[in-house]
Protein backbone atom coordinates (compact mmCIF):
# COMPACT_ATOMS: atom_id res chain seq x y z
CA MET A 1 30.08 -7.94 -4.12
CA ILE A 2 27.50 -8.32 -1.38
CA ASP A 3 26.10 -11.83 -1.48
CA ARG A 4 23.45 -12.28 1.15
CA ARG A 5 23.93 -16.04 1.39
CA SER A 6 27.65 -15.58 1.96
CA ILE A 7 26.93 -13.17 4.78
CA LEU A 8 24.38 -15.46 6.39
CA GLY A 9 26.67 -18.46 6.10
CA GLY A 10 29.57 -16.63 7.72
CA ALA A 11 31.94 -17.76 4.99
CA VAL A 12 32.86 -16.65 1.52
CA LEU A 13 32.09 -19.37 -1.00
CA GLY A 14 33.87 -19.59 -4.33
CA ALA A 15 32.24 -17.98 -7.32
CA GLY A 16 31.66 -21.35 -8.93
CA ALA A 17 29.85 -22.69 -5.87
CA LEU A 18 27.42 -19.79 -5.92
CA GLY A 19 27.00 -19.67 -9.67
CA ILE A 20 28.18 -16.04 -9.79
CA ALA A 21 31.33 -14.28 -10.85
CA ALA A 22 33.86 -12.69 -8.57
CA TYR A 23 34.35 -8.95 -8.81
CA ALA A 24 37.89 -7.75 -9.28
CA GLY A 25 38.99 -5.26 -6.65
CA ARG A 26 35.77 -5.51 -4.63
CA ASP A 27 35.63 -7.63 -1.49
CA LEU A 28 32.50 -9.31 -0.26
CA LEU A 29 30.85 -7.60 2.67
CA ILE A 30 32.55 -9.67 5.32
CA GLY A 31 34.25 -8.13 8.32
CA SER A 32 32.71 -4.74 7.59
CA ASN A 33 30.56 -2.65 9.88
CA ALA A 34 27.52 -4.72 8.95
CA THR A 35 26.88 -7.41 11.55
CA LEU A 36 25.29 -10.79 11.02
CA SER A 37 22.21 -9.77 12.95
CA SER A 38 21.74 -6.60 10.97
CA VAL A 39 21.43 -8.46 7.70
CA THR A 40 19.51 -11.53 8.85
CA ALA A 41 16.67 -9.58 10.38
CA ARG A 42 13.90 -9.30 7.83
CA SER A 43 12.69 -5.82 6.96
CA LYS A 44 9.10 -4.76 6.64
CA LEU A 45 7.92 -4.36 3.06
CA VAL A 46 7.86 -0.72 2.03
CA ILE A 47 4.62 0.27 0.32
CA PRO A 48 5.26 3.18 -2.08
CA ARG A 49 3.35 6.32 -1.20
CA LEU A 50 0.09 6.60 -3.12
CA TYR A 51 0.15 9.93 -4.95
CA SER A 52 -3.10 11.12 -6.55
CA GLY A 53 -1.93 14.58 -7.60
CA GLU A 54 -3.81 17.84 -7.19
CA ARG A 55 -6.86 19.08 -9.08
CA GLU A 56 -6.13 22.25 -11.04
CA SER A 57 -8.27 23.77 -13.81
CA GLY A 58 -9.88 20.46 -14.71
CA GLU A 59 -6.59 18.55 -14.77
CA GLN A 60 -5.03 16.14 -12.31
CA VAL A 61 -1.55 17.58 -11.79
CA PHE A 62 1.47 15.64 -10.59
CA GLU A 63 4.76 17.21 -9.53
CA LEU A 64 7.66 14.82 -10.07
CA ASN A 65 11.30 15.58 -9.29
CA LEU A 66 14.17 13.38 -10.46
CA ARG A 67 16.88 13.49 -7.84
CA HIS A 68 20.00 11.92 -6.44
CA GLY A 69 19.62 10.14 -3.14
CA VAL A 70 21.22 7.82 -0.63
CA SER A 71 19.52 4.57 0.38
CA GLN A 72 20.24 1.88 2.95
CA PHE A 73 19.53 -1.58 1.55
CA PHE A 74 21.80 -3.09 4.23
CA GLU A 75 21.96 -1.70 7.75
CA GLY A 76 24.72 0.83 8.20
CA ILE A 77 25.73 0.81 4.55
CA GLU A 78 24.77 3.67 2.23
CA THR A 79 24.14 3.27 -1.48
CA PRO A 80 24.05 6.23 -3.90
CA THR A 81 20.76 6.02 -5.79
CA ILE A 82 18.37 8.09 -7.86
CA GLY A 83 14.61 8.34 -7.50
CA ILE A 84 11.48 10.35 -8.13
CA ASN A 85 10.39 12.55 -5.20
CA GLN A 86 12.41 10.24 -2.92
CA PRO A 87 15.85 8.62 -2.79
CA TYR A 88 15.00 5.39 -4.67
CA LEU A 89 12.14 4.58 -7.06
CA GLY A 90 9.07 6.81 -7.02
CA PRO A 91 5.58 7.04 -5.55
CA THR A 92 2.66 5.05 -6.92
CA LEU A 93 0.76 7.43 -9.19
CA GLU A 94 -3.01 6.98 -8.96
CA LEU A 95 -4.90 7.88 -12.15
CA ASN A 96 -8.55 7.51 -13.12
CA ALA A 97 -9.74 6.56 -16.59
CA GLY A 98 -11.17 9.59 -18.36
CA ASP A 99 -9.12 12.14 -16.44
CA THR A 100 -6.81 14.63 -18.09
CA VAL A 101 -3.44 14.56 -16.34
CA ARG A 102 -0.51 16.92 -16.36
CA MET A 103 2.88 15.55 -15.37
CA ASN A 104 5.28 18.32 -14.40
CA VAL A 105 8.72 16.72 -14.29
CA THR A 106 11.84 18.52 -13.06
CA SER A 107 15.33 17.09 -12.85
CA ASP A 108 18.11 17.63 -10.36
CA LEU A 109 20.16 14.85 -11.92
CA SER A 110 23.61 15.42 -13.38
CA GLU A 111 22.77 13.85 -16.75
CA THR A 112 19.98 13.91 -19.30
CA ALA A 113 17.01 11.70 -18.40
CA THR A 114 13.46 11.01 -19.53
CA VAL A 115 10.29 9.61 -17.95
CA HIS A 116 8.34 7.15 -20.09
CA TRP A 117 4.76 6.15 -19.20
CA HIS A 118 5.07 2.46 -20.03
CA GLY A 119 1.90 0.95 -21.49
CA PHE A 120 0.00 4.19 -22.02
CA HIS A 121 -1.94 5.26 -25.10
CA LEU A 122 -1.08 8.94 -25.47
CA PRO A 123 0.32 11.53 -27.90
CA ALA A 124 3.89 10.90 -29.06
CA ARG A 125 4.97 14.25 -27.60
CA ALA A 126 3.89 13.02 -24.13
CA ASP A 127 5.38 9.52 -24.42
CA GLY A 128 8.59 10.28 -22.53
CA GLY A 129 10.86 8.42 -24.89
CA PRO A 130 14.32 9.51 -26.06
CA HIS A 131 12.81 12.39 -28.05
CA GLN A 132 11.59 14.07 -24.83
CA PRO A 133 14.90 14.61 -22.97
CA ILE A 134 15.06 16.43 -19.64
CA GLU A 135 18.40 18.13 -19.23
CA PRO A 136 20.11 18.59 -15.84
CA GLY A 137 18.24 21.33 -14.03
CA GLY A 138 15.56 21.29 -16.71
CA SER A 139 11.87 20.44 -16.82
CA TRP A 140 9.29 18.78 -19.05
CA THR A 141 5.50 18.70 -18.99
CA ALA A 142 3.38 15.87 -20.38
CA ARG A 143 -0.38 16.30 -20.82
CA PHE A 144 -2.64 13.44 -21.84
CA ASP A 145 -6.04 11.89 -21.32
CA VAL A 146 -6.12 8.60 -19.45
CA ARG A 147 -7.52 6.20 -22.04
CA GLN A 148 -6.50 3.00 -20.28
CA ARG A 149 -8.48 0.19 -18.72
CA ALA A 150 -7.81 -0.30 -15.03
CA SER A 151 -4.46 -1.98 -14.44
CA MET A 152 -0.98 -1.41 -13.09
CA PHE A 153 1.43 0.35 -15.41
CA TRP A 154 4.83 1.82 -14.65
CA TYR A 155 7.05 4.77 -15.44
CA HIS A 156 10.81 4.71 -15.93
CA SER A 157 13.77 6.25 -17.69
CA HIS A 158 13.93 5.92 -21.47
CA ALA A 159 16.97 8.14 -22.00
CA HIS A 160 18.88 7.59 -25.23
CA ARG A 161 21.54 4.91 -24.55
CA ARG A 162 21.10 5.43 -20.78
CA SER A 163 17.90 3.56 -19.87
CA GLY A 164 19.84 0.66 -18.37
CA PRO A 165 22.01 2.48 -15.82
CA GLN A 166 19.31 4.99 -14.87
CA VAL A 167 16.64 2.37 -14.18
CA TYR A 168 19.27 0.31 -12.37
CA GLN A 169 19.95 3.21 -10.01
CA GLY A 170 16.25 3.70 -9.27
CA LEU A 171 14.51 5.83 -11.89
CA ALA A 172 11.21 3.93 -11.99
CA GLY A 173 7.82 3.70 -10.27
CA VAL A 174 4.36 2.19 -10.69
CA ILE A 175 1.04 3.63 -11.81
CA TYR A 176 -2.43 2.48 -10.79
CA VAL A 177 -5.19 3.25 -13.25
CA ARG A 178 -8.71 2.83 -11.90
CA ASP A 179 -12.01 2.73 -13.75
CA ASN A 180 -15.67 2.29 -12.80
CA ALA A 181 -15.93 -1.26 -14.10
CA SER A 182 -13.03 -2.60 -12.05
CA GLU A 183 -13.99 -0.64 -8.95
CA ALA A 184 -17.42 -2.30 -9.01
CA LEU A 185 -15.87 -5.77 -8.79
CA ASP A 186 -15.53 -7.53 -5.46
CA LEU A 187 -11.72 -7.68 -5.55
CA PRO A 188 -9.14 -6.77 -2.90
CA ASN A 189 -8.74 -3.04 -3.45
CA ASP A 190 -7.41 -1.44 -0.26
CA TYR A 191 -4.02 -0.06 -1.27
CA GLY A 192 -1.23 -1.18 1.03
CA VAL A 193 -3.55 -3.48 2.99
CA ASP A 194 -4.85 -6.17 0.64
CA ASP A 195 -3.74 -4.63 -2.68
CA ILE A 196 0.04 -4.56 -2.85
CA PRO A 197 2.39 -3.40 -5.65
CA LEU A 198 5.67 -5.31 -5.90
CA VAL A 199 8.52 -3.84 -7.97
CA VAL A 200 10.93 -6.76 -8.42
CA GLN A 201 14.56 -5.90 -9.29
CA ASP A 202 17.84 -7.79 -9.06
CA ARG A 203 20.92 -5.76 -8.24
CA ALA A 204 24.66 -6.26 -7.67
CA PHE A 205 26.44 -4.42 -4.87
CA ALA A 206 30.09 -3.58 -4.23
CA SER A 207 31.55 -3.90 -0.74
CA ASP A 208 31.16 -0.15 -0.18
CA GLY A 209 27.41 -0.52 -0.78
CA SER A 210 27.36 1.07 -4.22
CA PHE A 211 25.59 -0.55 -7.14
CA ILE A 212 27.77 -2.37 -9.65
CA TYR A 213 26.70 -1.69 -13.21
CA SER A 214 28.95 -3.21 -15.85
CA THR A 215 29.17 -2.72 -19.61
CA ARG A 216 31.50 -5.67 -20.03
CA MET A 217 30.71 -7.93 -22.96
CA HIS A 218 28.65 -10.52 -21.08
CA ASN A 219 26.49 -7.90 -19.37
CA VAL A 220 25.69 -6.24 -22.67
CA MET A 221 24.94 -9.58 -24.29
CA MET A 222 22.79 -11.03 -21.51
CA GLY A 223 21.71 -7.77 -19.89
CA MET A 224 22.80 -6.60 -16.45
CA MET A 225 21.90 -9.02 -13.65
CA GLY A 226 22.59 -9.03 -9.92
CA ASP A 227 22.59 -11.54 -7.08
CA THR A 228 20.47 -9.54 -4.64
CA MET A 229 16.71 -9.13 -4.94
CA LEU A 230 15.13 -5.78 -4.12
CA VAL A 231 11.35 -5.62 -3.72
CA ASN A 232 10.09 -2.03 -3.51
CA GLY A 233 13.69 -1.25 -2.60
CA VAL A 234 13.85 -3.75 0.29
CA VAL A 235 16.01 -6.91 0.57
CA GLU A 236 13.94 -10.00 1.50
CA PRO A 237 10.96 -8.12 2.93
CA VAL A 238 8.16 -9.45 5.11
CA PHE A 239 4.50 -8.42 4.91
CA GLU A 240 1.88 -8.93 7.60
CA ALA A 241 -1.37 -9.79 5.84
CA LYS A 242 -4.53 -8.58 7.56
CA SER A 243 -6.92 -10.20 5.10
CA ASP A 244 -7.46 -13.74 3.87
CA ARG A 245 -7.27 -12.67 0.22
CA LEU A 246 -4.21 -10.76 -0.91
CA ARG A 247 -3.89 -9.08 -4.30
CA LEU A 248 -0.31 -8.78 -5.51
CA ARG A 249 0.52 -6.57 -8.49
CA LEU A 250 3.86 -7.68 -9.88
CA VAL A 251 6.10 -5.74 -12.20
CA ASN A 252 9.36 -7.18 -13.43
CA GLY A 253 11.43 -4.03 -13.05
CA SER A 254 14.75 -5.81 -13.60
CA ASN A 255 16.99 -4.77 -16.45
CA ALA A 256 17.30 -8.23 -17.94
CA ARG A 257 16.32 -11.16 -15.73
CA PHE A 258 13.25 -13.28 -16.48
CA TYR A 259 11.36 -14.72 -13.48
CA HIS A 260 9.19 -17.73 -12.75
CA PHE A 261 7.07 -16.78 -9.72
CA GLY A 262 5.41 -19.24 -7.36
CA PHE A 263 4.96 -19.99 -3.67
CA ASP A 264 7.32 -22.13 -1.62
CA ASP A 265 4.55 -24.54 -0.57
CA GLY A 266 3.32 -24.96 -4.13
CA ARG A 267 -0.09 -23.47 -3.40
CA SER A 268 -2.24 -22.39 -6.30
CA PHE A 269 -3.59 -18.89 -6.79
CA HIS A 270 -5.53 -16.91 -9.38
CA GLN A 271 -4.05 -14.65 -12.00
CA ILE A 272 -6.53 -11.86 -12.72
CA GLY A 273 -4.61 -9.40 -14.88
CA THR A 274 -1.88 -8.85 -17.44
CA ASP A 275 0.01 -5.76 -18.64
CA GLY A 276 -2.95 -3.69 -19.77
CA GLY A 277 -5.92 -4.83 -17.72
CA LEU A 278 -7.96 -7.61 -16.19
CA LEU A 279 -8.35 -10.99 -17.82
CA ALA A 280 -11.82 -12.03 -18.91
CA ALA A 281 -11.97 -14.50 -16.00
CA PRO A 282 -9.68 -15.55 -13.12
CA LEU A 283 -7.05 -18.07 -14.16
CA PRO A 284 -6.20 -20.79 -11.61
CA THR A 285 -2.45 -21.46 -11.70
CA ASP A 286 0.58 -22.12 -9.51
CA ASN A 287 3.07 -19.96 -11.40
CA VAL A 288 3.52 -16.74 -13.38
CA VAL A 289 6.39 -16.00 -15.76
CA LEU A 290 7.38 -12.37 -16.33
CA ALA A 291 10.07 -10.90 -18.56
CA PRO A 292 11.44 -7.39 -17.98
CA GLY A 293 8.65 -4.84 -18.44
CA GLU A 294 5.79 -7.33 -18.03
CA ARG A 295 3.21 -7.13 -15.25
CA ALA A 296 0.69 -9.48 -13.67
CA GLN A 297 -1.98 -9.31 -10.99
CA VAL A 298 -2.61 -12.33 -8.77
CA ILE A 299 -4.81 -13.14 -5.79
CA VAL A 300 -3.59 -15.61 -3.17
CA ASP A 301 -5.69 -17.28 -0.47
CA LEU A 302 -4.21 -17.00 3.03
CA SER A 303 -7.16 -18.42 4.96
CA ASP A 304 -5.06 -21.36 6.23
CA GLY A 305 -3.16 -18.87 8.40
CA ARG A 306 0.24 -20.27 7.46
CA PRO A 307 3.22 -18.10 6.53
CA VAL A 308 4.18 -18.48 2.90
CA SER A 309 6.98 -17.12 0.75
CA LEU A 310 6.67 -15.87 -2.80
CA LEU A 311 9.70 -17.11 -4.72
CA ALA A 312 11.17 -16.12 -8.07
CA ASP A 313 13.37 -18.44 -10.08
CA GLY A 314 15.56 -16.71 -12.63
CA LEU A 315 15.04 -18.37 -16.00
CA GLU A 316 17.57 -19.44 -18.60
CA ILE A 317 16.98 -17.20 -21.60
CA MET A 318 19.50 -18.74 -23.94
CA GLY A 319 17.48 -20.94 -26.25
CA MET A 320 19.74 -22.05 -29.10
CA GLY A 321 23.26 -22.15 -27.68
CA MET A 322 25.90 -21.89 -30.39
CA GLY A 323 24.08 -24.18 -32.77
CA GLY A 324 22.53 -21.31 -34.66
CA MET A 325 25.77 -19.52 -35.49
CA GLY A 326 25.44 -19.79 -39.24
CA GLY A 327 26.53 -16.18 -39.56
CA MET A 328 29.92 -16.64 -37.89
CA GLY A 329 32.37 -14.00 -38.95
CA GLN A 330 29.78 -11.73 -40.58
CA GLY A 331 30.50 -8.69 -38.45
CA MET A 332 31.68 -6.82 -41.54
CA THR A 333 29.80 -6.17 -44.74
CA GLY A 334 30.93 -7.81 -47.97
CA SER A 335 32.98 -4.75 -48.78
CA GLY A 336 34.79 -4.91 -45.45
CA ARG A 337 33.02 -1.82 -44.07
CA MET A 338 31.77 -1.75 -40.49
CA ARG A 339 28.02 -2.26 -40.19
CA ASP A 340 25.87 0.59 -38.87
CA SER A 341 24.87 -1.62 -35.93
CA ASP A 342 28.52 -2.20 -34.99
CA ARG A 343 29.29 1.51 -35.22
CA TYR A 344 26.25 2.26 -33.01
CA MET A 345 27.49 -0.23 -30.44
CA ASP A 346 31.02 1.16 -30.42
CA ASN A 347 29.72 4.72 -29.97
CA TRP A 348 27.45 3.60 -27.14
CA MET A 349 30.33 1.89 -25.35
CA MET A 350 32.43 5.05 -25.53
CA GLU A 351 29.55 7.22 -24.26
CA GLU A 352 28.88 4.77 -21.44
CA GLN A 353 32.47 5.00 -20.29
CA GLU A 354 32.18 8.80 -20.21
CA ASN A 355 28.78 8.86 -18.48
CA ARG A 356 29.44 6.19 -15.88
CA GLY A 357 30.05 8.66 -13.07
CA GLY A 358 29.36 7.01 -9.72
CA MET A 359 28.29 3.73 -11.30
CA LYS A 360 30.81 0.91 -10.94
CA GLY A 361 31.59 -0.70 -14.27
CA ASP A 362 34.98 -2.41 -14.21
CA GLY A 363 34.65 -4.59 -11.14
CA MET A 364 33.66 -7.85 -12.82
CA ARG A 365 36.00 -10.64 -13.75
CA GLY A 366 35.29 -12.88 -16.69
CA GLY A 367 32.95 -10.39 -18.32
CA GLY A 368 30.78 -10.16 -15.21
CA MET A 369 28.97 -13.41 -15.85
CA MET A 370 25.89 -13.94 -13.71
CA ASP A 371 23.94 -17.18 -13.49
CA GLU A 372 20.42 -16.24 -14.51
CA ARG A 373 19.07 -19.48 -13.03
CA ARG A 374 19.01 -18.26 -9.42
CA ARG A 375 16.25 -18.58 -6.83
CA PHE A 376 15.18 -15.47 -4.95
CA THR A 377 12.83 -14.96 -2.04
CA VAL A 378 10.56 -12.12 -3.11
CA LEU A 379 8.29 -11.74 -0.10
CA LEU A 380 7.55 -13.57 3.16
CA ILE A 381 3.83 -13.23 3.88
CA ARG A 382 2.81 -13.68 7.52
CA PRO A 383 -0.95 -13.78 8.07
CA ALA A 384 -1.96 -11.67 11.07
CA GLU A 385 -3.86 -13.34 13.90
CA SER A 386 -6.89 -11.19 13.19
CA ARG A 387 -7.81 -11.03 9.51
CA THR A 388 -10.79 -10.04 7.43
CA LYS A 389 -12.71 -12.95 5.97
CA PRO A 390 -12.04 -14.02 2.39
CA ILE A 391 -14.16 -12.67 -0.42
CA ALA A 392 -15.29 -14.74 -3.36
CA ILE A 393 -13.42 -13.93 -6.54
CA PRO A 394 -15.85 -12.93 -9.32
CA ARG A 395 -16.22 -15.49 -12.08
CA GLN A 396 -16.25 -12.74 -14.72
CA LEU A 397 -13.73 -9.91 -14.56
CA ALA A 398 -13.83 -8.01 -17.84
CA THR A 399 -15.18 -8.04 -21.37
CA LEU A 400 -12.27 -8.01 -23.78
CA PRO A 401 -12.53 -6.80 -27.38
CA GLN A 402 -13.10 -9.54 -29.92
CA ILE A 403 -10.02 -10.60 -31.87
CA ASP A 404 -10.53 -10.58 -35.64
CA PRO A 405 -7.36 -10.83 -37.75
CA GLY A 406 -9.54 -9.97 -40.74
CA ASP A 407 -9.66 -6.38 -39.49
CA ALA A 408 -5.95 -5.94 -40.27
CA VAL A 409 -5.17 -3.80 -43.31
CA ARG A 410 -1.60 -5.10 -43.53
CA THR A 411 1.05 -7.27 -41.87
CA ARG A 412 4.47 -5.95 -40.89
CA ARG A 413 7.45 -8.15 -40.13
CA PHE A 414 10.03 -7.44 -37.44
CA VAL A 415 13.11 -9.66 -37.10
CA LEU A 416 15.13 -9.42 -33.88
CA ASP A 417 18.77 -10.36 -34.20
CA MET A 418 22.05 -10.00 -32.37
CA GLY A 419 24.40 -10.68 -35.28
CA MET A 420 27.03 -13.36 -35.09
CA GLY A 421 30.77 -13.83 -35.14
CA MET A 422 33.40 -11.76 -33.39
CA ARG A 423 31.40 -8.53 -33.62
CA MET A 424 28.63 -10.21 -31.64
CA MET A 425 31.14 -11.38 -29.06
CA ARG A 426 32.07 -7.73 -28.60
CA GLY A 427 28.39 -6.90 -28.13
CA GLY A 428 27.64 -5.55 -31.62
CA GLY A 429 24.86 -6.33 -34.05
CA PHE A 430 21.76 -5.68 -31.96
CA THR A 431 19.20 -5.07 -34.68
CA ILE A 432 15.56 -5.10 -35.73
CA ASN A 433 15.12 -5.84 -39.44
CA GLY A 434 18.87 -5.56 -39.85
CA LYS A 435 19.06 -1.99 -38.51
CA SER A 436 20.15 -0.55 -35.18
CA MET A 437 18.42 2.43 -33.63
CA ASP A 438 18.86 5.78 -35.39
CA MET A 439 17.15 8.77 -33.77
CA GLN A 440 16.94 10.48 -37.18
CA ARG A 441 15.30 7.57 -39.01
CA ILE A 442 11.60 6.66 -39.06
CA ASP A 443 11.34 2.92 -39.62
CA GLU A 444 7.57 2.49 -40.00
CA THR A 445 4.64 4.77 -40.87
CA VAL A 446 1.21 3.69 -39.66
CA GLN A 447 -2.16 5.14 -40.64
CA VAL A 448 -4.45 6.21 -37.82
CA ASN A 449 -7.74 4.36 -37.28
CA THR A 450 -6.38 1.17 -38.77
CA THR A 451 -5.66 -2.31 -37.43
CA GLU A 452 -2.46 -4.16 -38.30
CA ILE A 453 -0.76 -7.47 -37.64
CA TRP A 454 2.84 -7.23 -36.50
CA GLN A 455 4.77 -10.47 -36.88
CA VAL A 456 7.78 -10.45 -34.56
CA GLU A 457 10.45 -13.06 -35.26
CA ASN A 458 13.50 -13.95 -33.22
CA ALA A 459 16.56 -14.87 -35.27
CA SER A 460 18.91 -14.70 -32.28
CA MET A 461 19.91 -17.35 -29.74
CA MET A 462 18.17 -15.83 -26.72
CA ALA A 463 14.68 -14.70 -25.75
CA HIS A 464 13.71 -11.03 -26.10
CA PRO A 465 10.78 -9.16 -24.49
CA PHE A 466 9.39 -6.98 -27.30
CA HIS A 467 7.67 -3.76 -26.15
CA ILE A 468 5.56 -1.46 -28.32
CA HIS A 469 4.75 2.08 -27.24
CA ASP A 470 1.29 3.71 -27.52
CA VAL A 471 -0.84 0.57 -27.85
CA GLN A 472 -2.16 -2.41 -25.96
CA PHE A 473 -2.15 -5.37 -28.33
CA ARG A 474 -3.49 -8.92 -28.42
CA ILE A 475 -1.38 -11.99 -29.13
CA LEU A 476 -2.82 -13.92 -32.08
CA ASP A 477 -0.49 -16.91 -32.06
CA ARG A 478 3.00 -18.27 -31.46
CA ASN A 479 4.32 -20.23 -34.43
CA GLY A 480 0.70 -20.72 -35.43
CA ARG A 481 -0.47 -21.89 -31.99
CA ALA A 482 -2.93 -19.95 -29.83
CA PRO A 483 -1.37 -18.19 -26.83
CA ASP A 484 -1.71 -19.62 -23.34
CA ALA A 485 -4.60 -18.36 -21.22
CA ALA A 486 -2.25 -16.09 -19.25
CA GLU A 487 -1.41 -14.22 -22.48
CA GLN A 488 -4.94 -13.73 -23.77
CA GLY A 489 -5.43 -10.33 -22.17
CA LEU A 490 -4.18 -6.87 -23.12
CA LYS A 491 -0.42 -6.70 -23.53
CA ASP A 492 2.28 -4.14 -24.33
CA THR A 493 5.28 -6.45 -23.90
CA VAL A 494 5.61 -9.98 -25.29
CA VAL A 495 8.42 -12.51 -25.05
CA VAL A 496 9.66 -13.86 -28.38
CA TYR A 497 11.72 -17.01 -27.97
CA PRO A 498 14.57 -18.09 -30.27
CA GLY A 499 13.30 -19.31 -33.62
CA GLU A 500 9.77 -18.16 -32.83
CA ALA A 501 7.34 -15.98 -34.79
CA VAL A 502 4.68 -14.22 -32.73
CA ARG A 503 1.76 -12.44 -34.41
CA LEU A 504 0.22 -9.44 -32.67
CA LEU A 505 -2.99 -7.56 -33.44
CA LEU A 506 -2.71 -3.79 -32.92
CA ARG A 507 -5.20 -0.94 -33.30
CA PHE A 508 -3.88 2.62 -33.84
CA GLU A 509 -6.30 5.34 -32.77
CA ASP A 510 -6.71 8.96 -31.67
CA TYR A 511 -3.23 10.46 -32.01
CA THR A 512 -1.17 11.42 -35.04
CA ASP A 513 2.21 13.07 -35.43
CA ALA A 514 4.22 12.81 -38.63
CA ASP A 515 7.41 14.00 -36.95
CA LEU A 516 7.56 12.63 -33.41
CA PRO A 517 7.81 8.83 -33.26
CA TYR A 518 6.93 6.10 -30.82
CA MET A 519 9.38 3.28 -30.08
CA TYR A 520 9.37 -0.49 -30.36
CA HIS A 521 12.27 -2.35 -28.81
CA CYS A 522 13.65 -5.18 -26.75
CA HIS A 523 12.98 -4.50 -23.06
CA ILE A 524 16.25 -5.98 -21.92
CA LEU A 525 17.48 -2.48 -21.22
CA GLU A 526 21.07 -3.07 -22.29
CA HIS A 527 19.81 -4.37 -25.66
CA GLU A 528 17.64 -1.28 -26.04
CA ASP A 529 20.59 0.95 -25.20
CA VAL A 530 22.89 -0.64 -27.77
CA GLY A 531 20.42 -0.45 -30.64
CA MET A 532 17.68 -3.12 -30.61
CA MET A 533 15.02 -0.47 -31.10
CA GLY A 534 13.08 1.14 -33.93
CA GLN A 535 10.69 4.05 -34.44
CA PHE A 536 7.22 4.44 -35.93
CA VAL A 537 4.91 7.36 -36.53
CA VAL A 538 1.12 7.41 -36.78
CA THR A 539 -0.23 9.69 -39.52
CA THR A 540 -3.56 10.62 -41.07
């Protein structure tokens, strides 16, 4: 496995010293064609192409092609990847609130895929979940009105049981939504100059440059993690800042790793946005925590002219250890029959073995254990000698809807669990309300034009990012306590820690479909793939 620190140090350290596992049958990239200089030189940050589509018959039309590609993350070493309109990842789609958009998606991939518009309020038929598959050589068109506040969203694979490996190989991109209110604010807004998207992903590489994606027990349990950080598809990039205020739009695009972001000199900055839009006011802070699927917008002051690095510490997501294993040995029902969740898991494992293709899955020793508590350098920011002067950050950013739990017509309860006992150790038992995902089963039916409270509880021993399609919600409380200021904006993904109950306020509007469902699920992609997902429909 390529380990950048091993390369830079000129010696191969033991797996224990680095906090990572060795990979059976795969040598570290030492003594290969890659030279020390080729991997120590920092690469310029790649800014994804801004793609605004074409205007046709009153619609903004986007042509997106899913394709195989080859990328060079290390000089002279090629990695098979997939992307949208390019070898890895996709362009930044630029949408305007109020527009009608048409997404024409074609696929040259060798397996079924989907494209989900993460965070968008739209008809279920346009959602891009597992019920909208795109077959190899096939196509799919999604039409919807942009009913979002200005923010950064993203799009990615949501293929049934294949989200994890497809996103890992590159099937993802970001979306900018703009609206009149945000455009009128005096905020950094020059794309690629002082307004920068950062897609943060950890990846593991084999010595031949290919991605390693494992379905060994530990990687299913904890989610797939790597030891190399990619930012917009670049390893340890550098950005030359030409302004004294820099707006960074962060998306945790990793499959499973949680990050604690901050600067190496401890400087403070302002968080201005969450998943679904701007906060009411700028929030002074020195750190941001993002789980997979979550986004944040921050503004950093560079007027001191000093280079600074944005760092990301991987967080420990195990919260209860083995102390909560009261269900030991309960992998079978009282009658001795296999649970539906265990059968789902076993079927998924067999399909994954068949679908693996060019993905490497058997190279990890010891279950492929990765230490999630790593430190990564996300971005080195070097202020240019000549920079535009700083602008004052507005004191007021947005007016958020009032939160009134009394508006809710009912409360629904969702319990996230991973089972216990030997079946859990094999990766089984990933459930919501005791059930694993079934494409043929509708779990919840919601009435349109109503407000509900969803209480999400975590009965497992690790944290889960819970994502709900179609809506932007508000967090009411965590175990009865008000959410932190950074969580008081619009959200579509929320972390639920072990033993915690989080109450969310959701409003369901505009779209109904009694047959086609939306999803709710854990956004650790391996958990989603093995069954920690449910379905709801919105009806009249």
